C-alpha atoms as a PDB file:
ATOM      1  CA  UNK A   1      98.997  93.744 125.833  1.00  0.00           C
ATOM      2  CA  UNK A   2      96.815  90.936 124.492  1.00  0.00           C
ATOM      3  CA  UNK A   3      94.568  92.940 122.131  1.00  0.00           C
ATOM      4  CA  UNK A   4      92.143  89.967 121.922  1.00  0.00           C
ATOM      5  CA  UNK A   5      91.158  90.753 125.514  1.00  0.00           C
ATOM      6  CA  UNK A   6      90.662  94.475 124.868  1.00  0.00           C
ATOM      7  CA  UNK A   7      87.496  96.091 125.925  1.00  0.00           C
ATOM      8  CA  UNK A   8      86.135  98.924 123.781  1.00  0.00           C
ATOM      9  CA  UNK A   9      87.316 101.595 126.321  1.00  0.00           C
ATOM     10  CA  UNK A  10      90.413 103.585 125.505  1.00  0.00           C
ATOM     11  CA  UNK A  11      92.465 104.655 128.543  1.00  0.00           C
ATOM     12  CA  UNK A  12      93.012 108.270 129.156  1.00  0.00           C
ATOM     13  CA  UNK A  13      96.731 108.207 128.507  1.00  0.00           C
ATOM     14  CA  UNK A  14      96.314 106.729 125.088  1.00  0.00           C
ATOM     15  CA  UNK A  15      93.054 108.558 124.062  1.00  0.00           C
ATOM     16  CA  UNK A  16      94.769 111.531 122.265  1.00  0.00           C
ATOM     17  CA  UNK A  17      96.849 109.226 119.995  1.00  0.00           C
ATOM     18  CA  UNK A  18      93.899 106.819 119.430  1.00  0.00           C
ATOM     19  CA  UNK A  19      91.525 109.774 118.695  1.00  0.00           C
ATOM     20  CA  UNK A  20      94.003 111.253 116.244  1.00  0.00           C
ATOM     21  CA  UNK A  21      94.216 107.876 114.519  1.00  0.00           C
ATOM     22  CA  UNK A  22      90.450 107.695 114.350  1.00  0.00           C
ATOM     23  CA  UNK A  23      90.138 111.229 113.092  1.00  0.00           C
ATOM     24  CA  UNK A  24      92.670 110.516 110.254  1.00  0.00           C
ATOM     25  CA  UNK A  25      90.677 107.576 109.113  1.00  0.00           C
ATOM     26  CA  UNK A  26      87.457 109.734 109.217  1.00  0.00           C
ATOM     27  CA  UNK A  27      89.214 112.451 107.275  1.00  0.00           C
ATOM     28  CA  UNK A  28      90.051 110.014 104.490  1.00  0.00           C
ATOM     29  CA  UNK A  29      86.380 109.367 103.971  1.00  0.00           C
ATOM     30  CA  UNK A  30      85.512 113.055 104.257  1.00  0.00           C
ATOM     31  CA  UNK A  31      88.172 113.979 101.754  1.00  0.00           C
ATOM     32  CA  UNK A  32      86.857 111.391  99.350  1.00  0.00           C
ATOM     33  CA  UNK A  33      83.412 112.970  99.600  1.00  0.00           C
ATOM     34  CA  UNK A  34      85.027 116.342  98.791  1.00  0.00           C
ATOM     35  CA  UNK A  35      86.393 115.021  95.488  1.00  0.00           C
ATOM     36  CA  UNK A  36      89.904 113.723  96.382  1.00  0.00           C
ATOM     37  CA  UNK A  37      91.369 110.354  96.293  1.00  0.00           C
ATOM     38  CA  UNK A  38      91.729 109.316  99.972  1.00  0.00           C
ATOM     39  CA  UNK A  39      89.444 106.594 101.127  1.00  0.00           C
ATOM     40  CA  UNK A  40      88.919 104.106 103.960  1.00  0.00           C
ATOM     41  CA  UNK A  41      89.230 100.454 102.958  1.00  0.00           C
ATOM     42  CA  UNK A  42      87.166  98.984 105.853  1.00  0.00           C
ATOM     43  CA  UNK A  43      84.553  98.022 103.275  1.00  0.00           C
ATOM     44  CA  UNK A  44      86.840  97.518 100.263  1.00  0.00           C
ATOM     45  CA  UNK A  45      85.217  95.602  97.472  1.00  0.00           C
ATOM     46  CA  UNK A  46      86.469  92.034  96.922  1.00  0.00           C
ATOM     47  CA  UNK A  47      87.814  91.188  93.507  1.00  0.00           C
ATOM     48  CA  UNK A  48      91.084  90.407  91.677  1.00  0.00           C
ATOM     49  CA  UNK A  49      92.604  93.763  92.321  1.00  0.00           C
ATOM     50  CA  UNK A  50      91.063  94.461  95.725  1.00  0.00           C
ATOM     51  CA  UNK A  51      91.488  91.188  97.542  1.00  0.00           C
ATOM     52  CA  UNK A  52      94.766  92.097  99.218  1.00  0.00           C
ATOM     53  CA  UNK A  53      93.598  95.601 100.047  1.00  0.00           C
ATOM     54  CA  UNK A  54      90.455  94.116 101.674  1.00  0.00           C
ATOM     55  CA  UNK A  55      92.603  91.844 103.839  1.00  0.00           C
ATOM     56  CA  UNK A  56      95.318  94.221 104.885  1.00  0.00           C
ATOM     57  CA  UNK A  57      94.369  97.770 103.895  1.00  0.00           C
ATOM     58  CA  UNK A  58      92.947  99.964 106.606  1.00  0.00           C
ATOM     59  CA  UNK A  59      92.821 103.372 104.806  1.00  0.00           C
ATOM     60  CA  UNK A  60      94.344 105.157 101.804  1.00  0.00           C
ATOM     61  CA  UNK A  61      95.629 108.758 101.492  1.00  0.00           C
ATOM     62  CA  UNK A  62      97.070 110.838  98.601  1.00  0.00           C
ATOM     63  CA  UNK A  63      99.615 112.361 101.062  1.00  0.00           C
ATOM     64  CA  UNK A  64     102.464 110.252 102.389  1.00  0.00           C
ATOM     65  CA  UNK A  65     102.606 112.285 105.559  1.00  0.00           C
ATOM     66  CA  UNK A  66      99.161 111.420 106.499  1.00  0.00           C
ATOM     67  CA  UNK A  67      99.732 107.636 106.002  1.00  0.00           C
ATOM     68  CA  UNK A  68     103.119 107.702 107.871  1.00  0.00           C
ATOM     69  CA  UNK A  69     101.533 109.613 110.768  1.00  0.00           C
ATOM     70  CA  UNK A  70      98.649 107.104 111.115  1.00  0.00           C
ATOM     71  CA  UNK A  71     101.012 104.093 110.858  1.00  0.00           C
ATOM     72  CA  UNK A  72     103.269 105.642 113.535  1.00  0.00           C
ATOM     73  CA  UNK A  73     100.286 106.313 115.774  1.00  0.00           C
ATOM     74  CA  UNK A  74      98.933 102.826 115.436  1.00  0.00           C
ATOM     75  CA  UNK A  75     102.427 101.396 116.123  1.00  0.00           C
ATOM     76  CA  UNK A  76     102.655 103.504 119.251  1.00  0.00           C
ATOM     77  CA  UNK A  77      99.359 102.086 120.382  1.00  0.00           C
ATOM     78  CA  UNK A  78     100.746  98.573 120.192  1.00  0.00           C
ATOM     79  CA  UNK A  79      99.361  97.471 116.721  1.00  0.00           C
ATOM     80  CA  UNK A  80     101.273  96.271 113.755  1.00  0.00           C
ATOM     81  CA  UNK A  81     100.877  98.772 110.923  1.00  0.00           C
ATOM     82  CA  UNK A  82     102.860  99.232 107.702  1.00  0.00           C
ATOM     83  CA  UNK A  83     102.887 101.524 104.678  1.00  0.00           C
ATOM     84  CA  UNK A  84     102.252 100.573 101.029  1.00  0.00           C
ATOM     85  CA  UNK A  85     102.165 102.827  97.866  1.00  0.00           C
ATOM     86  CA  UNK A  86     100.712 102.284  94.413  1.00  0.00           C
ATOM     87  CA  UNK A  87     100.238 104.382  91.303  1.00  0.00           C
ATOM     88  CA  UNK A  88      96.987 105.025  89.641  1.00  0.00           C
ATOM     89  CA  UNK A  89      95.364 107.183  86.887  1.00  0.00           C
ATOM     90  CA  UNK A  90      95.773 107.331  83.162  1.00  0.00           C
ATOM     91  CA  UNK A  91      97.484 110.338  81.618  1.00  0.00           C
ATOM     92  CA  UNK A  92      97.407 112.160  84.976  1.00  0.00           C
ATOM     93  CA  UNK A  93      99.247 109.781  87.249  1.00  0.00           C
ATOM     94  CA  UNK A  94      98.977 109.923  90.986  1.00  0.00           C
ATOM     95  CA  UNK A  95     100.341 107.907  93.963  1.00  0.00           C
ATOM     96  CA  UNK A  96      98.179 106.577  96.742  1.00  0.00           C
ATOM     97  CA  UNK A  97      99.574 105.632 100.176  1.00  0.00           C
ATOM     98  CA  UNK A  98      97.998 102.794 102.071  1.00  0.00           C
ATOM     99  CA  UNK A  99      98.083 102.002 105.730  1.00  0.00           C
ATOM    100  CA  UNK A 100      98.037  98.287 106.095  1.00  0.00           C
ATOM    101  CA  UNK A 101      97.405  96.093 109.203  1.00  0.00           C
ATOM    102  CA  UNK A 102      97.439  92.285 109.361  1.00  0.00           C
ATOM    103  CA  UNK A 103      94.008  90.833 108.662  1.00  0.00           C
ATOM    104  CA  UNK A 104      93.614  89.169 112.194  1.00  0.00           C
ATOM    105  CA  UNK A 105      94.263  92.616 113.805  1.00  0.00           C
ATOM    106  CA  UNK A 106      91.613  94.478 111.814  1.00  0.00           C
ATOM    107  CA  UNK A 107      88.628  93.754 114.115  1.00  0.00           C
ATOM    108  CA  UNK A 108      90.330  95.022 117.286  1.00  0.00           C
ATOM    109  CA  UNK A 109      91.750  97.959 115.495  1.00  0.00           C
ATOM    110  CA  UNK A 110      88.410  98.900 114.192  1.00  0.00           C
ATOM    111  CA  UNK A 111      86.868  98.526 117.661  1.00  0.00           C
ATOM    112  CA  UNK A 112      89.581 100.676 119.205  1.00  0.00           C
ATOM    113  CA  UNK A 113      89.196 103.360 116.661  1.00  0.00           C
ATOM    114  CA  UNK A 114      85.404 103.388 117.104  1.00  0.00           C
ATOM    115  CA  UNK A 115      85.709 103.677 120.909  1.00  0.00           C
ATOM    116  CA  UNK A 116      88.347 106.364 120.567  1.00  0.00           C
ATOM    117  CA  UNK A 117      86.224 108.369 118.266  1.00  0.00           C
ATOM    118  CA  UNK A 118      83.232 108.108 120.506  1.00  0.00           C
ATOM    119  CA  UNK A 119      85.087 108.979 123.712  1.00  0.00           C
ATOM    120  CA  UNK A 120      87.061 111.867 122.048  1.00  0.00           C
ATOM    121  CA  UNK A 121      83.977 113.300 120.414  1.00  0.00           C
ATOM    122  CA  UNK A 122      82.001 113.264 123.693  1.00  0.00           C
ATOM    123  CA  UNK A 123      84.902 114.879 125.544  1.00  0.00           C
ATOM    124  CA  UNK A 124      85.283 117.647 123.032  1.00  0.00           C
ATOM    125  CA  UNK A 125      81.585 118.306 123.030  1.00  0.00           C
ATOM    126  CA  UNK A 126      81.160 118.366 126.753  1.00  0.00           C
ATOM    127  CA  UNK A 127      80.210 121.838 127.971  1.00  0.00           C
ATOM    128  CA  UNK A 128      80.620 121.431 131.675  1.00  0.00           C
ATOM    129  CA  UNK A 129      82.912 123.999 133.325  1.00  0.00           C
ATOM    130  CA  UNK A 130      86.393 122.737 134.169  1.00  0.00           C
ATOM    131  CA  UNK A 131      89.366 124.457 135.670  1.00  0.00           C
ATOM    132  CA  UNK A 132      92.285 125.246 133.382  1.00  0.00           C
ATOM    133  CA  UNK A 133      94.632 123.055 135.362  1.00  0.00           C
ATOM    134  CA  UNK A 134      92.201 120.153 135.762  1.00  0.00           C
ATOM    135  CA  UNK A 135      92.921 116.787 134.046  1.00  0.00           C
ATOM    136  CA  UNK A 136      89.611 117.102 131.968  1.00  0.00           C
ATOM    137  CA  UNK A 137      90.762 120.436 130.584  1.00  0.00           C
ATOM    138  CA  UNK A 138      94.170 119.100 129.843  1.00  0.00           C
ATOM    139  CA  UNK A 139      92.630 116.112 128.055  1.00  0.00           C
ATOM    140  CA  UNK A 140      90.138 118.208 126.129  1.00  0.00           C
ATOM    141  CA  UNK A 141      92.980 120.522 124.964  1.00  0.00           C
ATOM    142  CA  UNK A 142      95.032 117.486 123.877  1.00  0.00           C
ATOM    143  CA  UNK A 143      92.033 116.044 121.930  1.00  0.00           C
ATOM    144  CA  UNK A 144      91.399 119.411 120.236  1.00  0.00           C
ATOM    145  CA  UNK A 145      95.047 119.640 119.000  1.00  0.00           C
ATOM    146  CA  UNK A 146      94.883 116.016 117.965  1.00  0.00           C
ATOM    147  CA  UNK A 147      91.787 116.699 115.882  1.00  0.00           C
ATOM    148  CA  UNK A 148      93.385 119.633 113.961  1.00  0.00           C
ATOM    149  CA  UNK A 149      96.730 117.765 113.593  1.00  0.00           C
ATOM    150  CA  UNK A 150      94.794 114.971 111.939  1.00  0.00           C
ATOM    151  CA  UNK A 151      92.727 117.211 109.765  1.00  0.00           C
ATOM    152  CA  UNK A 152      95.801 119.257 108.599  1.00  0.00           C
ATOM    153  CA  UNK A 153      97.187 115.984 107.230  1.00  0.00           C
ATOM    154  CA  UNK A 154      94.088 114.134 106.078  1.00  0.00           C
ATOM    155  CA  UNK A 155      91.959 116.998 104.539  1.00  0.00           C
ATOM    156  CA  UNK A 156      92.673 119.220 101.698  1.00  0.00           C
ATOM    157  CA  UNK A 157      94.124 122.606 102.474  1.00  0.00           C
ATOM    158  CA  UNK A 158      92.777 125.935 101.232  1.00  0.00           C
ATOM    159  CA  UNK A 159      94.587 129.300 101.278  1.00  0.00           C
ATOM    160  CA  UNK A 160      92.796 132.565 100.479  1.00  0.00           C
ATOM    161  CA  UNK A 161      94.524 135.831 101.047  1.00  0.00           C
ATOM    162  CA  UNK A 162      95.409 135.826 104.699  1.00  0.00           C
ATOM    163  CA  UNK A 163      93.055 132.963 105.639  1.00  0.00           C
ATOM    164  CA  UNK A 164      94.030 129.312 105.962  1.00  0.00           C
ATOM    165  CA  UNK A 165      91.547 126.577 105.821  1.00  0.00           C
ATOM    166  CA  UNK A 166      90.564 122.931 105.263  1.00  0.00           C
ATOM    167  CA  UNK A 167      88.299 121.317 102.741  1.00  0.00           C
ATOM    168  CA  UNK A 168      86.156 118.306 103.608  1.00  0.00           C
ATOM    169  CA  UNK A 169      82.901 116.705 102.821  1.00  0.00           C
ATOM    170  CA  UNK A 170      81.577 115.713 106.221  1.00  0.00           C
ATOM    171  CA  UNK A 171      79.454 118.007 108.319  1.00  0.00           C
ATOM    172  CA  UNK A 172      80.061 116.162 111.598  1.00  0.00           C
ATOM    173  CA  UNK A 173      83.827 116.495 111.107  1.00  0.00           C
ATOM    174  CA  UNK A 174      83.420 120.194 110.420  1.00  0.00           C
ATOM    175  CA  UNK A 175      81.387 120.666 113.520  1.00  0.00           C
ATOM    176  CA  UNK A 176      83.871 118.882 115.652  1.00  0.00           C
ATOM    177  CA  UNK A 177      86.753 120.894 114.242  1.00  0.00           C
ATOM    178  CA  UNK A 178      84.881 124.048 114.926  1.00  0.00           C
ATOM    179  CA  UNK A 179      84.437 122.933 118.532  1.00  0.00           C
ATOM    180  CA  UNK A 180      88.059 121.883 118.811  1.00  0.00           C
ATOM    181  CA  UNK A 181      89.199 125.284 117.608  1.00  0.00           C
ATOM    182  CA  UNK A 182      86.850 126.947 120.142  1.00  0.00           C
ATOM    183  CA  UNK A 183      88.495 124.891 122.895  1.00  0.00           C
ATOM    184  CA  UNK A 184      91.835 126.163 121.724  1.00  0.00           C
ATOM    185  CA  UNK A 185      90.529 129.799 121.521  1.00  0.00           C
ATOM    186  CA  UNK A 186      90.741 130.193 117.633  1.00  0.00           C
ATOM    187  CA  UNK A 187      87.701 131.491 115.712  1.00  0.00           C
ATOM    188  CA  UNK A 188      86.574 129.490 112.662  1.00  0.00           C
ATOM    189  CA  UNK A 189      84.374 130.176 109.637  1.00  0.00           C
ATOM    190  CA  UNK A 190      82.422 127.464 107.829  1.00  0.00           C
ATOM    191  CA  UNK A 191      81.302 127.882 104.153  1.00  0.00           C
ATOM    192  CA  UNK A 192      79.330 125.572 101.936  1.00  0.00           C
ATOM    193  CA  UNK A 193      80.888 124.998  98.532  1.00  0.00           C
ATOM    194  CA  UNK A 194      79.832 122.708  95.740  1.00  0.00           C
ATOM    195  CA  UNK A 195      80.335 119.202  97.122  1.00  0.00           C
ATOM    196  CA  UNK A 196      82.275 120.164 100.272  1.00  0.00           C
ATOM    197  CA  UNK A 197      82.623 122.410 103.257  1.00  0.00           C
ATOM    198  CA  UNK A 198      85.498 124.865 103.769  1.00  0.00           C
ATOM    199  CA  UNK A 199      86.748 125.686 107.272  1.00  0.00           C
ATOM    200  CA  UNK A 200      88.862 128.870 107.510  1.00  0.00           C
ATOM    201  CA  UNK A 201      90.888 130.169 110.357  1.00  0.00           C
ATOM    202  CA  UNK A 202      92.854 133.494 110.763  1.00  0.00           C
ATOM    203  CA  UNK A 203      96.608 133.531 110.433  1.00  0.00           C
ATOM    204  CA  UNK A 204      97.099 133.628 114.200  1.00  0.00           C
ATOM    205  CA  UNK A 205      95.515 130.188 114.295  1.00  0.00           C
ATOM    206  CA  UNK A 206      97.883 128.680 111.758  1.00  0.00           C
ATOM    207  CA  UNK A 207      99.786 126.795 114.405  1.00  0.00           C
ATOM    208  CA  UNK A 208      96.870 124.395 114.605  1.00  0.00           C
ATOM    209  CA  UNK A 209      97.633 123.221 111.058  1.00  0.00           C
ATOM    210  CA  UNK A 210     101.178 122.210 111.806  1.00  0.00           C
ATOM    211  CA  UNK A 211     101.373 118.569 112.691  1.00  0.00           C
ATOM    212  CA  UNK A 212     103.138 117.763 115.966  1.00  0.00           C
ATOM    213  CA  UNK A 213     106.754 116.768 115.504  1.00  0.00           C
ATOM    214  CA  UNK A 214     106.985 114.776 118.720  1.00  0.00           C
ATOM    215  CA  UNK A 215     106.667 111.060 118.916  1.00  0.00           C
ATOM    216  CA  UNK A 216     103.108 109.603 119.037  1.00  0.00           C
ATOM    217  CA  UNK A 217     101.776 109.006 122.457  1.00  0.00           C
ATOM    218  CA  UNK A 218     102.608 105.490 123.401  1.00  0.00           C
ATOM    219  CA  UNK A 219     100.847 103.251 125.781  1.00  0.00           C
ATOM    220  CA  UNK A 220      98.097 100.790 126.063  1.00  0.00           C
ATOM    221  CA  UNK A 221      95.268 101.389 123.678  1.00  0.00           C
ATOM    222  CA  UNK A 222      92.469  99.956 125.669  1.00  0.00           C
ATOM    223  CA  UNK A 223      91.628  98.695 129.133  1.00  0.00           C
ATOM    224  CA  UNK A 224      91.382  95.067 130.185  1.00  0.00           C
ATOM    225  CA  UNK A 225      88.613  93.116 131.630  1.00  0.00           C
END
C-alpha cells in the first residue's frame, strides 16, 4: 500500500490493531500524567539530546512489552517501526523503551492513529442495539478487548486484596475503559487518587488484563481514494 495516498479512514479489518496502537500511545501520555516515565514524543523538544528522538521517536514506555507490542502492531499495519532503549536517572537508574518510525512516515502514522482513535472511540461509545452475531457487535467487542489489552501494557497496574486495577491520569481514557469493560460484561470501579485515577475490576475480569498472544491483526491500515 502507498501510505502517501492514504485517506484518514481505517478499514474495519485493520481497526482493532490500529485502535490498540492508538490506545497504547494515549496510555503513554496518561501514564506520564500519573507520575510514571512513559511519554509520547510527537512534540519532543528539539535540542542536542532530543534531535534524534524528535525525528524518529513516536512514543516511549518504561515497559519493554508495551513498546514491543506497539512496534509489532505498526509493522502489521504496514508501517516501518523499530525499538530503541536507553538508560536514564541518577542513583536510581531506569530503562526507557522507545518505538521509532522513520521521519518521513511520521505524518501518515499520526494521521492513521488519530483516525483509528476517533473511529474506535465512536464505535465503543455507540449505544444503538445490535445483535450478538452482527458485524457491529463483533467489531465493538474486538475494540473493547483491544482497549484493555493496550491499557494493561501501557498503564500502571494496581493490585489490592482480590481486586486488580490500572492507574492512569486521563479521565477520557478511564471513561473509555469503563465503557469497554461494560461491553465485555465486566463491572469496574473508578477512584480518584492524588494525581491519578484508579480503575479496579473483580478477579473474574482479570482475563481482560492479559495481553493477546496472537499475532497482531495484519492488513491495510487505511482506505484509498
